Each structure stands twice: as C-alpha cells, then as structure tokens.
Amino acid sequence: MQNSYIRLKNITQSTIDDYNGVIENHLIPELGSIPLARLNPLHLQEFYVKKQEEYSGRTVQNMHRILRKALDGAVKTQLIKQNPADLVDAPKAKKYKPKVYDEEQFLKLLKVAKGTKHEIPILLAGGLGMRRGEIFGLRWDNISFKYKRMVVEQQLIPTSQGLVFSTPKTESGARTIEIPEYIIEVLKQELKEQKKNKMLFGPEYKDYNLVCCKANGDLIHPSGYSRDFKKFLEDNHLEHIRFHDLRHFNATVMLKYDVDIKVASRRLGHSTTSITQDIYQHILTDMDHEAARKINDGLFGGLDLR
C-alpha cells in the first residue's frame, strides 16, 4: 500500500498529510472492507459514534468532511448513485475553551523563561499572538527595529517530507504587527547572541536567518518545541497550558485593555472580526459582566431603593 493516497495541486503538503492520515488510520481500517456499492448511512453513523468515544468532535467532523468529499467523487464518476454521507448528520464539535493564564501567571512564566530558549517564543506568542509555525518561521528580515514592527509572511510546518517553509494559509494570516518596546529590546539582545554563535560555530553554523533557532542556527521542530514547553512548565511547577494557549492569552489581554476588536482581529490574523468574537465569546461575556458591575456601582450605587 502506498504511503500517500492524495496528490493534489495548490494544496499544502501538511494538508495532504492530514488527509492521508485520516484515510490510512481511520477510513480504510474501519470502512475499507465494505464494498463501495454496499456502503450505507448506518455504516457511517456507527463509524462516527465509535470515533467520538476516542476523539474530539472536531476531529470526527474532519473525518466526515474528507469521507464525504471522497464519496462525492464516486458519485461524479458514477460508481455510486448517491453519497451516503449526505444522509448522515455531521458529527457535532464541542467548542474548545482554552485554559488562559492571567497576567500574574504570564509574568511569572516570563520571569522563569528569562535568558532561556523559551523566552522569545513565549514573548511572540503571549505578547504578539503569533501562531507556533509563524514564530519558528520568522526571519530577522521580517523585523524593522527602526519602525518597531514585523511582517508575518511565512510559517515553518512539519510535513511527511520534513520541515518546510510555507506562506500563511489565508490572506489575513499575512500581516504587519506593531511590536511593544519591551519585546523590541529582547529581540535586539537575541540578535547579538546569535551573532556570537555564528562566530563560535563558524562554517558549521546553519544560517537560515531565523529569529528562533537552535544555537547552531538550525531549525526548531514546532511539534518538538511544544513537548519541550510542556516539560519546561512541569520542571518549574507552573500550571499546564498548551503553547498555543499563549496566543489566547494575548487575545484576552487585548480585549481586556479595550483594544478595538478590528485591531485585535487583524493582529491575530483572523479573516473577520466574527471569528475573533466567536473564539473569545467567553472572554467578552466576562467583560460584559464586569461592565454591568461597574455601571451598577458607579451609576446606581448611591441610590436608595427603599
């Protein structure tokens, strides 16, 4: 059996890998023995129920989406008359509520990470809301120290072909971000350290011109870093969060400090403000409660209801 089932133009290698992973690990083992002409909605419903016991609703939704698309192809080529996936309710995904540090926890994390390999990634995720792949694909050429801004225009992603640089998945993912003064100063120090490392390693230094890299300049595997981050939290007795949750922390801080939702959405690389509002609805709800309390205390606090 070939290692890859899907080879499509204009689709990133990581997306192809995701498709093939679903096909190899789920669809073929569970449904591959059923003749195409006999595949019916009940088979699919039982498949989804079984998978939902092991995986998140969003993951099972992805399985459904890929299977439905494949069966659409079978209908178009007249291998079957009707797509059985059209007759099954799509699995429902529960909204993930991220675990978000408060400001005290984040500053404690930053203090512990000071001077370590974790400082810059934590600052870029928690201070600028960058995605993991964007952080490890960021080049020094993308940063203007003079104007205190950076351009996000590529990401580093793991694929079956190894680590590759790729453009953001959406137009909104490519964006310009203004950088706080504190982060600018830390980045300047990091650049000085990298110049020392270039002299130390000499011709063995792998110069990708990356902001976040190994001491010898080599690429940092994004997935490997997430595991290192988890261990870093454990070793320092800090509450567990995913590295991606630092991006959620950044969104929380922006909303807390009344950054306009359009600005917050643009900095996060969301295509619309509705995406930002949907993801962070729980934060906006908490802020609404706080607004009601302030109005009550400030406006009505001195009134006598008797």
Protein backbone atom coordinates (compact mmCIF):
# COMPACT_ATOMS: atom_id res chain seq x y z
CA MET A 1 0.00 0.00 0.00
CA GLN A 2 1.36 3.40 -0.93
CA ASN A 3 2.23 5.83 1.84
CA SER A 4 0.32 8.67 0.16
CA TYR A 5 -3.18 8.48 -1.27
CA ILE A 6 -3.76 12.12 -2.13
CA ARG A 7 -1.66 14.20 -4.50
CA LEU A 8 -3.37 17.47 -5.30
CA LYS A 9 -2.19 20.73 -6.78
CA ASN A 10 -2.49 24.02 -4.85
CA ILE A 11 -2.78 22.24 -1.52
CA THR A 12 -0.02 22.43 1.09
CA GLN A 13 1.93 19.29 1.95
CA SER A 14 0.72 19.49 5.57
CA THR A 15 -2.92 19.41 4.42
CA ILE A 16 -2.20 16.44 2.16
CA ASP A 17 -0.55 14.71 5.11
CA ASP A 18 -3.66 15.36 7.24
CA TYR A 19 -5.91 13.86 4.55
CA ASN A 20 -3.71 10.82 4.14
CA GLY A 21 -3.51 10.33 7.90
CA VAL A 22 -7.31 10.21 8.17
CA ILE A 23 -7.53 7.81 5.23
CA GLU A 24 -4.78 5.47 6.42
CA ASN A 25 -5.52 5.46 10.14
CA HIS A 26 -9.31 5.66 10.21
CA LEU A 27 -11.26 5.30 6.98
CA ILE A 28 -9.50 2.27 5.49
CA PRO A 29 -9.23 0.25 8.76
CA GLU A 30 -12.90 0.85 9.68
CA LEU A 31 -14.68 1.05 6.33
CA GLY A 32 -12.20 -0.27 3.75
CA SER A 33 -13.58 -3.83 3.79
CA ILE A 34 -17.12 -2.71 2.83
CA PRO A 35 -17.79 -2.76 -0.94
CA LEU A 36 -18.48 0.78 -2.15
CA ALA A 37 -21.91 -0.15 -3.55
CA ARG A 38 -22.96 -1.53 -0.14
CA LEU A 39 -21.73 1.36 1.98
CA ASN A 40 -24.78 2.92 3.64
CA PRO A 41 -25.56 5.70 6.16
CA LEU A 42 -25.77 3.22 9.05
CA HIS A 43 -22.14 2.17 8.46
CA LEU A 44 -21.08 5.81 8.65
CA GLN A 45 -23.21 6.57 11.72
CA GLU A 46 -21.67 3.64 13.60
CA PHE A 47 -18.21 4.77 12.49
CA TYR A 48 -18.76 8.30 13.83
CA VAL A 49 -20.17 7.07 17.15
CA LYS A 50 -17.16 4.83 17.67
CA LYS A 51 -14.67 7.58 16.81
CA GLN A 52 -16.36 10.11 19.08
CA GLU A 53 -15.57 7.86 22.03
CA GLU A 54 -11.86 8.35 21.31
CA TYR A 55 -11.54 11.70 19.54
CA SER A 56 -12.88 15.23 19.76
CA GLY A 57 -15.96 16.20 17.81
CA ARG A 58 -13.85 18.49 15.64
CA THR A 59 -11.55 15.59 14.67
CA VAL A 60 -14.50 13.37 13.78
CA GLN A 61 -16.00 16.26 11.80
CA ASN A 62 -12.80 16.33 9.77
CA MET A 63 -13.11 12.58 9.10
CA HIS A 64 -16.67 13.16 7.90
CA ARG A 65 -15.63 16.05 5.66
CA ILE A 66 -12.86 14.03 3.97
CA LEU A 67 -15.07 10.94 3.55
CA ARG A 68 -17.93 12.99 2.14
CA LYS A 69 -15.63 14.64 -0.39
CA ALA A 70 -14.23 11.26 -1.46
CA LEU A 71 -17.72 9.82 -1.90
CA ASP A 72 -18.74 12.89 -3.91
CA GLY A 73 -16.03 11.84 -6.33
CA ALA A 74 -17.54 8.37 -6.51
CA VAL A 75 -20.95 9.87 -7.37
CA LYS A 76 -19.47 12.08 -10.09
CA THR A 77 -17.71 9.11 -11.68
CA GLN A 78 -20.98 7.11 -11.39
CA LEU A 79 -19.51 4.43 -9.13
CA ILE A 80 -22.47 5.03 -6.80
CA LYS A 81 -25.78 6.83 -7.34
CA GLN A 82 -25.97 8.71 -4.04
CA ASN A 83 -23.48 9.87 -1.42
CA PRO A 84 -24.33 8.06 1.86
CA ALA A 85 -22.51 10.79 3.81
CA ASP A 86 -25.21 13.25 2.68
CA LEU A 87 -27.79 11.17 4.56
CA VAL A 88 -25.94 11.26 7.89
CA ASP A 89 -25.92 14.13 10.35
CA ALA A 90 -22.42 15.58 10.58
CA PRO A 91 -20.77 14.94 13.95
CA LYS A 92 -21.07 17.93 16.27
CA ALA A 93 -17.94 19.57 17.63
CA LYS A 94 -17.80 20.88 21.17
CA LYS A 95 -16.23 24.30 21.39
CA TYR A 96 -12.83 24.16 23.00
CA LYS A 97 -12.45 26.54 25.92
CA PRO A 98 -8.75 27.33 26.23
CA LYS A 99 -7.01 27.47 29.58
CA VAL A 100 -5.71 31.02 29.73
CA TYR A 101 -3.14 32.38 32.16
CA ASP A 102 -3.96 35.60 33.95
CA GLU A 103 -1.40 38.41 33.79
CA GLU A 104 0.29 37.41 37.03
CA GLN A 105 0.78 33.85 35.80
CA PHE A 106 2.10 35.03 32.45
CA LEU A 107 4.61 37.41 34.03
CA LYS A 108 5.76 34.61 36.34
CA LEU A 109 6.24 32.35 33.29
CA LEU A 110 8.18 35.10 31.54
CA LYS A 111 10.40 35.62 34.57
CA VAL A 112 11.26 31.92 34.76
CA ALA A 113 11.93 31.82 31.00
CA LYS A 114 14.22 34.87 31.07
CA GLY A 115 17.51 34.08 29.30
CA THR A 116 16.39 30.60 28.18
CA LYS A 117 15.45 29.29 24.75
CA HIS A 118 11.82 29.72 25.77
CA GLU A 119 11.86 33.48 26.31
CA ILE A 120 11.46 34.61 22.69
CA PRO A 121 8.77 32.05 21.70
CA ILE A 122 6.77 32.90 24.84
CA LEU A 123 7.04 36.63 24.13
CA LEU A 124 6.00 36.24 20.49
CA ALA A 125 3.03 34.02 21.35
CA GLY A 126 1.88 35.78 24.52
CA GLY A 127 2.91 39.31 23.59
CA LEU A 128 2.04 39.36 19.89
CA GLY A 129 -0.44 36.50 19.48
CA MET A 130 1.64 34.70 16.85
CA ARG A 131 0.97 31.10 15.89
CA ARG A 132 3.59 28.44 16.57
CA GLY A 133 4.54 27.92 12.92
CA GLU A 134 4.77 31.68 12.40
CA ILE A 135 7.16 32.01 15.34
CA PHE A 136 9.58 29.37 14.10
CA GLY A 137 9.37 30.66 10.53
CA LEU A 138 10.05 34.29 11.46
CA ARG A 139 13.22 35.76 9.92
CA TRP A 140 15.22 38.75 11.08
CA ASP A 141 14.47 40.34 7.71
CA ASN A 142 10.82 40.42 8.75
CA ILE A 143 11.57 42.76 11.67
CA SER A 144 12.11 46.52 11.48
CA PHE A 145 13.79 47.74 14.65
CA LYS A 146 13.54 51.30 13.37
CA TYR A 147 9.76 51.25 12.96
CA LYS A 148 9.16 48.65 15.71
CA ARG A 149 7.07 46.32 13.59
CA MET A 150 7.25 42.92 11.95
CA VAL A 151 5.79 41.31 8.86
CA VAL A 152 4.33 37.82 9.23
CA GLU A 153 4.69 36.23 5.80
CA GLN A 154 5.72 32.61 6.31
CA GLN A 155 5.45 29.70 8.68
CA LEU A 156 7.52 26.60 9.42
CA ILE A 157 5.42 23.46 9.26
CA PRO A 158 6.18 19.74 9.71
CA THR A 159 5.20 17.50 6.78
CA SER A 160 5.88 13.96 5.66
CA GLN A 161 8.64 15.49 3.54
CA GLY A 162 10.25 17.14 6.57
CA LEU A 163 10.10 20.74 7.79
CA VAL A 164 9.12 23.22 5.10
CA PHE A 165 8.57 26.96 4.93
CA SER A 166 5.11 27.90 3.72
CA THR A 167 3.09 31.06 3.24
CA PRO A 168 0.17 31.63 5.65
CA LYS A 169 -2.95 29.63 4.81
CA THR A 170 -5.08 32.76 4.38
CA GLU A 171 -4.56 36.30 3.16
CA SER A 172 -5.30 37.62 6.64
CA GLY A 173 -2.55 35.39 8.04
CA ALA A 174 -0.02 37.57 6.22
CA ARG A 175 0.01 40.73 8.31
CA THR A 176 2.08 43.51 9.85
CA ILE A 177 2.26 43.76 13.65
CA GLU A 178 3.48 46.68 15.73
CA ILE A 179 5.91 45.44 18.42
CA PRO A 180 5.90 46.67 22.05
CA GLU A 181 9.14 48.33 23.17
CA TYR A 182 9.97 45.60 25.71
CA ILE A 183 9.87 42.88 23.05
CA ILE A 184 11.98 45.02 20.70
CA GLU A 185 14.73 45.24 23.32
CA VAL A 186 14.68 41.49 24.00
CA LEU A 187 14.89 40.80 20.25
CA LYS A 188 17.91 43.10 19.95
CA GLN A 189 19.67 41.10 22.67
CA GLU A 190 18.82 37.85 20.93
CA LEU A 191 20.28 39.14 17.67
CA LYS A 192 23.55 39.95 19.46
CA GLU A 193 23.67 36.42 20.92
CA GLN A 194 23.11 34.86 17.51
CA LYS A 195 25.98 36.87 16.06
CA LYS A 196 28.22 35.44 18.79
CA ASN A 197 27.03 31.94 17.94
CA LYS A 198 27.83 32.48 14.27
CA MET A 199 31.42 33.28 15.21
CA LEU A 200 31.56 30.35 17.64
CA PHE A 201 30.27 27.74 15.16
CA GLY A 202 31.97 29.27 12.13
CA PRO A 203 31.27 27.41 8.86
CA GLU A 204 29.17 24.82 10.75
CA TYR A 205 26.56 27.47 11.57
CA LYS A 206 23.33 26.91 9.60
CA ASP A 207 22.23 30.40 8.70
CA TYR A 208 18.51 30.43 7.95
CA ASN A 209 18.34 33.97 9.35
CA LEU A 210 15.66 32.82 11.80
CA VAL A 211 14.71 34.63 15.00
CA CYS A 212 14.02 31.38 16.84
CA CYS A 213 16.56 28.67 16.07
CA LYS A 214 18.99 26.28 17.74
CA ALA A 215 22.39 27.52 18.94
CA ASN A 216 23.93 26.39 15.64
CA GLY A 217 21.23 28.18 13.63
CA ASP A 218 19.33 25.01 12.73
CA LEU A 219 15.54 24.77 12.53
CA ILE A 220 13.44 24.11 15.62
CA HIS A 221 10.73 21.50 15.03
CA PRO A 222 7.42 23.14 16.07
CA SER A 223 5.93 19.92 17.46
CA GLY A 224 9.15 19.12 19.31
CA TYR A 225 9.12 22.58 20.84
CA SER A 226 5.59 22.06 22.17
CA ARG A 227 6.84 18.97 24.02
CA ASP A 228 9.81 20.95 25.37
CA PHE A 229 7.46 23.71 26.52
CA LYS A 230 5.29 21.20 28.38
CA LYS A 231 8.37 19.82 30.17
CA PHE A 232 9.55 23.36 30.92
CA LEU A 233 6.27 24.05 32.72
CA GLU A 234 6.49 20.77 34.64
CA ASP A 235 10.12 21.35 35.68
CA ASN A 236 9.25 24.80 37.01
CA HIS A 237 6.00 23.71 38.70
CA LEU A 238 3.88 26.02 36.55
CA GLU A 239 0.25 25.30 35.69
CA HIS A 240 -0.08 23.31 32.47
CA ILE A 241 -1.26 25.09 29.35
CA ARG A 242 -0.68 24.35 25.69
CA PHE A 243 1.84 26.59 23.97
CA HIS A 244 -0.99 27.71 21.67
CA ASP A 245 -2.89 28.95 24.74
CA LEU A 246 -0.39 31.82 24.99
CA ARG A 247 -1.96 33.16 21.79
CA HIS A 248 -5.31 33.07 23.58
CA PHE A 249 -3.70 34.95 26.48
CA ASN A 250 -2.67 37.69 24.05
CA ALA A 251 -6.22 37.99 22.75
CA THR A 252 -7.52 38.18 26.33
CA VAL A 253 -5.11 40.99 27.18
CA MET A 254 -6.03 42.97 24.08
CA LEU A 255 -9.73 42.70 24.82
CA LYS A 256 -9.20 43.49 28.49
CA TYR A 257 -7.31 46.68 27.65
CA ASP A 258 -10.03 47.78 25.23
CA VAL A 259 -8.12 47.21 22.01
CA ASP A 260 -10.67 47.61 19.22
CA ILE A 261 -11.96 44.22 18.06
CA LYS A 262 -10.98 45.03 14.46
CA VAL A 263 -7.40 45.76 15.52
CA ALA A 264 -7.25 42.63 17.71
CA SER A 265 -8.60 40.52 14.85
CA ARG A 266 -6.03 41.90 12.41
CA ARG A 267 -3.13 41.35 14.82
CA LEU A 268 -4.24 37.75 15.39
CA GLY A 269 -4.52 37.13 11.65
CA HIS A 270 -8.25 36.35 11.64
CA SER A 271 -10.09 36.93 8.36
CA THR A 272 -13.10 38.52 10.07
CA THR A 273 -13.93 40.01 13.47
CA SER A 274 -16.73 37.42 13.80
CA ILE A 275 -14.06 34.70 14.09
CA THR A 276 -12.37 36.60 16.90
CA GLN A 277 -15.68 37.19 18.67
CA ASP A 278 -16.73 33.55 18.28
CA ILE A 279 -13.46 32.15 19.63
CA TYR A 280 -13.29 34.56 22.56
CA GLN A 281 -17.00 34.80 23.35
CA HIS A 282 -16.39 33.62 26.92
CA ILE A 283 -13.91 36.47 27.44
CA LEU A 284 -16.36 39.02 26.04
CA THR A 285 -19.07 37.60 28.32
CA ASP A 286 -16.83 38.01 31.38
CA MET A 287 -16.09 41.58 30.28
CA ASP A 288 -19.82 42.22 29.89
CA HIS A 289 -20.39 41.05 33.48
CA GLU A 290 -17.66 43.40 34.65
CA ALA A 291 -19.19 46.28 32.68
CA ALA A 292 -22.58 45.66 34.32
CA ARG A 293 -20.96 45.65 37.77
CA LYS A 294 -19.17 48.95 37.10
CA ILE A 295 -22.38 50.58 35.85
CA ASN A 296 -24.26 49.33 38.90
CA ASP A 297 -21.62 50.54 41.36
CA GLY A 298 -20.88 53.81 39.58
CA LEU A 299 -24.32 54.89 38.43
CA PHE A 300 -26.75 53.24 40.81
CA GLY A 301 -24.55 52.61 43.83
CA GLY A 302 -25.70 55.71 45.70
CA LEU A 303 -29.44 55.30 45.08
CA ASP A 304 -31.80 54.21 47.81
CA LEU A 305 -34.34 51.66 46.53
CA ARG A 306 -36.49 51.87 49.66
